[in-house]
């Protein structure tokens, strides 16, 4: 799956070892790097459902296109499909996770 970032600062935090450690500490940095690797290895968003630790779930904002990917005790990655109108949106308006092959990481939500 392709991963893009909402802005340059978020990309720096996610892609730089020192920036990850500064933001999340050593354990959180390791989890973030692992989760990004799992996301990149996935063929589509639905594959993350098979990674128990990812705990893919809807965000509390009620938008069915915004999802949370767990970083354990260190928070969540807030992700959305890269396309505003993802292909394969189901008739009931929900997201067809099998059709999403690119996501935007919008934020790191800390508890």
N, C-alpha and C. Protein backbone atom coordinates (compact mmCIF):
# COMPACT_ATOMS: atom_id res chain seq x y z
N UNK A 1 0.85 -1.16 0.00
CA UNK A 1 0.00 0.00 0.00
C UNK A 1 0.90 1.23 0.00
N UNK A 2 0.50 2.22 -0.73
CA UNK A 2 1.25 3.47 -0.77
C UNK A 2 0.87 4.34 0.42
N UNK A 3 1.87 4.97 1.04
CA UNK A 3 1.64 5.83 2.20
C UNK A 3 2.15 7.22 1.86
N UNK A 4 1.30 8.22 2.01
CA UNK A 4 1.71 9.61 1.89
C UNK A 4 1.36 10.31 3.21
N UNK A 5 1.95 11.46 3.42
CA UNK A 5 1.76 12.16 4.68
C UNK A 5 1.11 13.51 4.44
N UNK A 6 0.31 13.94 5.41
CA UNK A 6 -0.44 15.18 5.28
C UNK A 6 0.47 16.38 5.07
N UNK A 7 1.61 16.40 5.75
CA UNK A 7 2.52 17.53 5.61
C UNK A 7 3.96 17.08 5.82
N UNK A 8 4.88 17.97 5.54
CA UNK A 8 6.31 17.64 5.62
C UNK A 8 6.76 17.33 7.04
N UNK A 9 6.21 18.01 8.03
CA UNK A 9 6.61 17.75 9.41
C UNK A 9 6.21 16.35 9.85
N UNK A 10 5.01 15.93 9.51
CA UNK A 10 4.57 14.57 9.85
C UNK A 10 5.42 13.54 9.11
N UNK A 11 5.76 13.80 7.87
CA UNK A 11 6.62 12.89 7.12
C UNK A 11 7.99 12.79 7.79
N UNK A 12 8.52 13.92 8.26
CA UNK A 12 9.82 13.92 8.93
C UNK A 12 9.77 13.08 10.20
N UNK A 13 8.73 13.26 11.00
CA UNK A 13 8.59 12.50 12.25
C UNK A 13 8.50 11.00 11.95
N UNK A 14 7.75 10.64 10.94
CA UNK A 14 7.55 9.22 10.64
C UNK A 14 8.77 8.58 9.96
N UNK A 15 9.55 9.35 9.24
CA UNK A 15 10.64 8.79 8.45
C UNK A 15 12.03 8.99 9.02
N UNK A 16 12.15 9.71 10.11
CA UNK A 16 13.45 9.97 10.72
C UNK A 16 13.52 9.30 12.08
N UNK A 17 14.51 8.43 12.26
CA UNK A 17 14.68 7.74 13.54
C UNK A 17 14.76 8.69 14.72
N UNK A 18 15.64 9.71 14.67
CA UNK A 18 15.72 10.64 15.80
C UNK A 18 14.40 11.39 16.04
N UNK A 19 13.71 11.80 14.98
CA UNK A 19 12.43 12.51 15.14
C UNK A 19 11.37 11.59 15.74
N UNK A 20 11.35 10.32 15.31
CA UNK A 20 10.39 9.35 15.90
C UNK A 20 10.66 9.20 17.39
N UNK A 21 11.94 9.02 17.76
CA UNK A 21 12.28 8.84 19.18
C UNK A 21 11.96 10.09 19.99
N UNK A 22 12.21 11.27 19.44
CA UNK A 22 11.89 12.51 20.15
C UNK A 22 10.39 12.63 20.40
N UNK A 23 9.60 12.22 19.43
CA UNK A 23 8.13 12.37 19.53
C UNK A 23 7.49 11.28 20.37
N UNK A 24 7.96 10.02 20.23
CA UNK A 24 7.27 8.89 20.85
C UNK A 24 8.11 8.09 21.84
N UNK A 25 9.37 8.46 22.00
CA UNK A 25 10.25 7.67 22.85
C UNK A 25 10.75 6.45 22.09
N UNK A 26 11.71 5.72 22.67
CA UNK A 26 12.30 4.58 21.95
C UNK A 26 11.30 3.48 21.61
N UNK A 27 10.44 3.11 22.56
CA UNK A 27 9.48 2.04 22.30
C UNK A 27 8.44 2.47 21.26
N UNK A 28 7.92 3.68 21.42
CA UNK A 28 6.93 4.19 20.47
C UNK A 28 7.50 4.32 19.07
N UNK A 29 8.77 4.75 18.99
CA UNK A 29 9.43 4.89 17.68
C UNK A 29 9.52 3.54 16.98
N UNK A 30 9.84 2.50 17.75
CA UNK A 30 9.93 1.14 17.18
C UNK A 30 8.57 0.68 16.69
N UNK A 31 7.53 0.93 17.48
CA UNK A 31 6.18 0.51 17.08
C UNK A 31 5.74 1.26 15.83
N UNK A 32 5.99 2.57 15.78
CA UNK A 32 5.61 3.36 14.61
C UNK A 32 6.32 2.84 13.35
N UNK A 33 7.60 2.59 13.44
CA UNK A 33 8.34 2.07 12.29
C UNK A 33 7.78 0.71 11.85
N UNK A 34 7.47 -0.16 12.82
CA UNK A 34 6.90 -1.47 12.49
C UNK A 34 5.55 -1.32 11.82
N UNK A 35 4.69 -0.43 12.36
CA UNK A 35 3.36 -0.27 11.80
C UNK A 35 3.42 0.29 10.38
N UNK A 36 4.30 1.27 10.16
CA UNK A 36 4.45 1.80 8.80
C UNK A 36 4.92 0.72 7.83
N UNK A 37 5.82 -0.14 8.28
CA UNK A 37 6.27 -1.26 7.45
C UNK A 37 5.15 -2.23 7.14
N UNK A 38 4.30 -2.49 8.13
CA UNK A 38 3.15 -3.39 7.90
C UNK A 38 2.18 -2.76 6.92
N UNK A 39 1.98 -1.46 7.06
CA UNK A 39 1.07 -0.78 6.13
C UNK A 39 1.63 -0.80 4.71
N UNK A 40 2.91 -0.54 4.57
CA UNK A 40 3.54 -0.54 3.26
C UNK A 40 3.50 -1.93 2.62
N UNK A 41 3.62 -2.97 3.43
CA UNK A 41 3.60 -4.35 2.92
C UNK A 41 2.20 -4.81 2.53
N UNK A 42 1.18 -4.15 3.05
CA UNK A 42 -0.20 -4.54 2.76
C UNK A 42 -0.54 -4.21 1.31
N UNK A 43 -1.33 -5.06 0.69
CA UNK A 43 -1.79 -4.80 -0.68
C UNK A 43 -2.92 -3.77 -0.68
N UNK A 44 -3.74 -3.82 0.35
CA UNK A 44 -4.85 -2.87 0.49
C UNK A 44 -5.14 -2.70 1.98
N UNK A 45 -5.93 -1.71 2.30
CA UNK A 45 -6.21 -1.36 3.68
C UNK A 45 -6.79 -2.54 4.47
N UNK A 46 -7.61 -3.34 3.86
CA UNK A 46 -8.23 -4.47 4.55
C UNK A 46 -7.20 -5.46 5.09
N UNK A 47 -6.02 -5.52 4.49
CA UNK A 47 -4.98 -6.42 4.99
C UNK A 47 -4.58 -6.09 6.42
N UNK A 48 -4.73 -4.84 6.83
CA UNK A 48 -4.38 -4.48 8.21
C UNK A 48 -5.32 -5.12 9.22
N UNK A 49 -6.46 -5.58 8.79
CA UNK A 49 -7.39 -6.30 9.69
C UNK A 49 -6.76 -7.61 10.17
N UNK A 50 -5.76 -8.12 9.43
CA UNK A 50 -5.09 -9.37 9.80
C UNK A 50 -3.90 -9.14 10.71
N UNK A 51 -3.59 -7.89 10.99
CA UNK A 51 -2.51 -7.53 11.91
C UNK A 51 -3.18 -7.12 13.21
N UNK A 52 -3.25 -8.05 14.15
CA UNK A 52 -4.01 -7.81 15.39
C UNK A 52 -3.55 -6.55 16.11
N UNK A 53 -2.25 -6.32 16.17
CA UNK A 53 -1.73 -5.17 16.91
C UNK A 53 -2.12 -3.84 16.26
N UNK A 54 -2.45 -3.84 14.98
CA UNK A 54 -2.82 -2.60 14.30
C UNK A 54 -4.19 -2.09 14.76
N UNK A 55 -5.05 -2.98 15.19
CA UNK A 55 -6.39 -2.62 15.69
C UNK A 55 -7.07 -1.57 14.81
N UNK A 56 -7.12 -1.80 13.52
CA UNK A 56 -7.75 -0.87 12.59
C UNK A 56 -9.20 -0.67 13.00
N UNK A 57 -9.58 0.60 13.18
CA UNK A 57 -10.93 0.90 13.63
C UNK A 57 -11.33 2.31 13.19
N UNK A 58 -12.64 2.60 13.18
CA UNK A 58 -13.09 3.94 12.78
C UNK A 58 -12.69 4.98 13.82
N UNK A 59 -12.45 6.19 13.36
CA UNK A 59 -12.18 7.30 14.27
C UNK A 59 -13.49 7.72 14.93
N UNK A 60 -13.40 8.38 16.05
CA UNK A 60 -14.58 8.77 16.81
C UNK A 60 -15.32 9.95 16.19
N UNK A 61 -14.77 10.55 15.12
CA UNK A 61 -15.39 11.73 14.53
C UNK A 61 -16.61 11.39 13.67
N UNK A 62 -16.92 10.12 13.48
CA UNK A 62 -18.09 9.71 12.72
C UNK A 62 -17.89 9.65 11.21
N UNK A 63 -16.73 10.03 10.73
CA UNK A 63 -16.41 9.97 9.30
C UNK A 63 -15.93 8.56 8.99
N UNK A 64 -16.67 7.84 8.17
CA UNK A 64 -16.32 6.44 7.91
C UNK A 64 -15.03 6.30 7.11
N UNK A 65 -14.49 7.41 6.59
CA UNK A 65 -13.25 7.35 5.83
C UNK A 65 -12.02 7.62 6.67
N UNK A 66 -12.20 8.04 7.91
CA UNK A 66 -11.08 8.29 8.81
C UNK A 66 -10.95 7.10 9.76
N UNK A 67 -9.76 6.50 9.76
CA UNK A 67 -9.52 5.30 10.56
C UNK A 67 -8.33 5.51 11.48
N UNK A 68 -8.28 4.71 12.53
CA UNK A 68 -7.17 4.73 13.46
C UNK A 68 -6.40 3.43 13.35
N UNK A 69 -5.08 3.54 13.37
CA UNK A 69 -4.18 2.39 13.38
C UNK A 69 -3.40 2.49 14.69
N UNK A 70 -3.49 1.49 15.51
CA UNK A 70 -2.92 1.54 16.85
C UNK A 70 -1.40 1.57 16.87
N UNK A 71 -0.89 2.40 17.77
CA UNK A 71 0.53 2.41 18.11
C UNK A 71 0.69 1.96 19.56
N UNK A 72 -0.23 1.13 20.02
CA UNK A 72 -0.21 0.63 21.39
C UNK A 72 -0.44 1.75 22.38
N UNK A 73 0.32 1.76 23.47
CA UNK A 73 0.17 2.77 24.50
C UNK A 73 0.62 4.15 24.04
N UNK A 74 1.20 4.24 22.85
CA UNK A 74 1.76 5.49 22.36
C UNK A 74 0.80 6.28 21.48
N UNK A 75 -0.39 5.76 21.27
CA UNK A 75 -1.40 6.49 20.51
C UNK A 75 -1.85 5.76 19.27
N UNK A 76 -2.23 6.54 18.27
CA UNK A 76 -2.77 6.00 17.02
C UNK A 76 -2.30 6.84 15.85
N UNK A 77 -2.16 6.18 14.70
CA UNK A 77 -2.02 6.90 13.44
C UNK A 77 -3.42 7.17 12.92
N UNK A 78 -3.68 8.39 12.51
CA UNK A 78 -4.95 8.75 11.90
C UNK A 78 -4.73 8.68 10.39
N UNK A 79 -5.48 7.80 9.72
CA UNK A 79 -5.30 7.60 8.28
C UNK A 79 -6.62 7.77 7.54
N UNK A 80 -6.50 8.14 6.27
CA UNK A 80 -7.64 8.27 5.36
C UNK A 80 -7.23 7.72 4.00
N UNK A 81 -8.17 7.30 3.20
CA UNK A 81 -7.81 6.94 1.83
C UNK A 81 -7.21 8.16 1.13
N UNK A 82 -6.22 7.95 0.28
CA UNK A 82 -5.59 9.07 -0.42
C UNK A 82 -6.59 9.79 -1.31
N UNK A 83 -7.46 9.04 -1.96
CA UNK A 83 -8.44 9.64 -2.87
C UNK A 83 -9.65 10.12 -2.08
N UNK A 84 -10.14 11.32 -2.41
CA UNK A 84 -11.31 11.87 -1.72
C UNK A 84 -12.55 11.02 -1.94
N UNK A 85 -12.66 10.43 -3.11
CA UNK A 85 -13.78 9.53 -3.41
C UNK A 85 -13.19 8.17 -3.71
N UNK A 86 -12.90 7.37 -2.65
CA UNK A 86 -12.21 6.11 -2.87
C UNK A 86 -12.99 5.18 -3.78
N UNK A 87 -12.30 4.48 -4.65
CA UNK A 87 -12.99 3.53 -5.51
C UNK A 87 -13.62 2.42 -4.67
N UNK A 88 -14.76 1.99 -5.09
CA UNK A 88 -15.39 0.87 -4.41
C UNK A 88 -16.10 1.23 -3.13
N UNK A 89 -16.45 2.50 -2.94
CA UNK A 89 -17.25 2.85 -1.78
C UNK A 89 -18.54 2.05 -1.87
N UNK A 90 -18.91 1.43 -0.78
CA UNK A 90 -20.06 0.55 -0.78
C UNK A 90 -21.36 1.35 -0.89
N UNK A 91 -22.43 0.67 -1.29
CA UNK A 91 -23.72 1.33 -1.50
C UNK A 91 -24.23 2.04 -0.25
N UNK A 92 -23.89 1.53 0.92
CA UNK A 92 -24.36 2.16 2.15
C UNK A 92 -23.47 3.33 2.59
N UNK A 93 -22.50 3.70 1.72
CA UNK A 93 -21.64 4.83 2.01
C UNK A 93 -20.41 4.50 2.82
N UNK A 94 -20.25 3.24 3.20
CA UNK A 94 -19.07 2.86 3.97
C UNK A 94 -17.89 2.58 3.05
N UNK A 95 -16.74 2.56 3.64
CA UNK A 95 -15.51 2.39 2.90
C UNK A 95 -15.27 0.92 2.56
N UNK A 96 -14.98 0.66 1.30
CA UNK A 96 -14.57 -0.67 0.88
C UNK A 96 -13.06 -0.74 1.06
N UNK A 97 -12.62 -1.29 2.17
CA UNK A 97 -11.20 -1.31 2.53
C UNK A 97 -10.36 -2.11 1.54
N UNK A 98 -10.99 -3.04 0.81
CA UNK A 98 -10.26 -3.82 -0.19
C UNK A 98 -9.89 -2.98 -1.41
N UNK A 99 -10.57 -1.87 -1.62
CA UNK A 99 -10.29 -1.01 -2.78
C UNK A 99 -9.27 0.08 -2.47
N UNK A 100 -8.92 0.26 -1.20
CA UNK A 100 -7.99 1.33 -0.81
C UNK A 100 -6.57 0.81 -0.87
N UNK A 101 -5.80 1.33 -1.81
CA UNK A 101 -4.41 0.91 -1.99
C UNK A 101 -3.41 2.03 -1.70
N UNK A 102 -3.93 3.17 -1.25
CA UNK A 102 -3.07 4.30 -0.87
C UNK A 102 -3.77 5.08 0.25
N UNK A 103 -3.01 5.45 1.27
CA UNK A 103 -3.57 6.19 2.40
C UNK A 103 -2.75 7.45 2.68
N UNK A 104 -3.40 8.39 3.31
CA UNK A 104 -2.75 9.59 3.82
C UNK A 104 -2.67 9.42 5.34
N UNK A 105 -1.49 9.54 5.89
CA UNK A 105 -1.34 9.61 7.35
C UNK A 105 -1.56 11.07 7.71
N UNK A 106 -2.66 11.33 8.42
CA UNK A 106 -3.08 12.71 8.71
C UNK A 106 -2.52 13.22 10.02
N UNK A 107 -2.26 12.31 10.97
CA UNK A 107 -1.79 12.76 12.29
C UNK A 107 -1.35 11.56 13.10
N UNK A 108 -0.62 11.87 14.16
CA UNK A 108 -0.34 10.91 15.23
C UNK A 108 -1.10 11.42 16.43
N UNK A 109 -2.08 10.65 16.86
CA UNK A 109 -2.90 11.03 18.00
C UNK A 109 -2.34 10.40 19.24
N UNK A 110 -1.95 11.21 20.20
CA UNK A 110 -1.39 10.72 21.46
C UNK A 110 -2.48 10.67 22.52
N UNK A 111 -2.46 9.63 23.36
CA UNK A 111 -3.48 9.54 24.42
C UNK A 111 -3.31 10.62 25.47
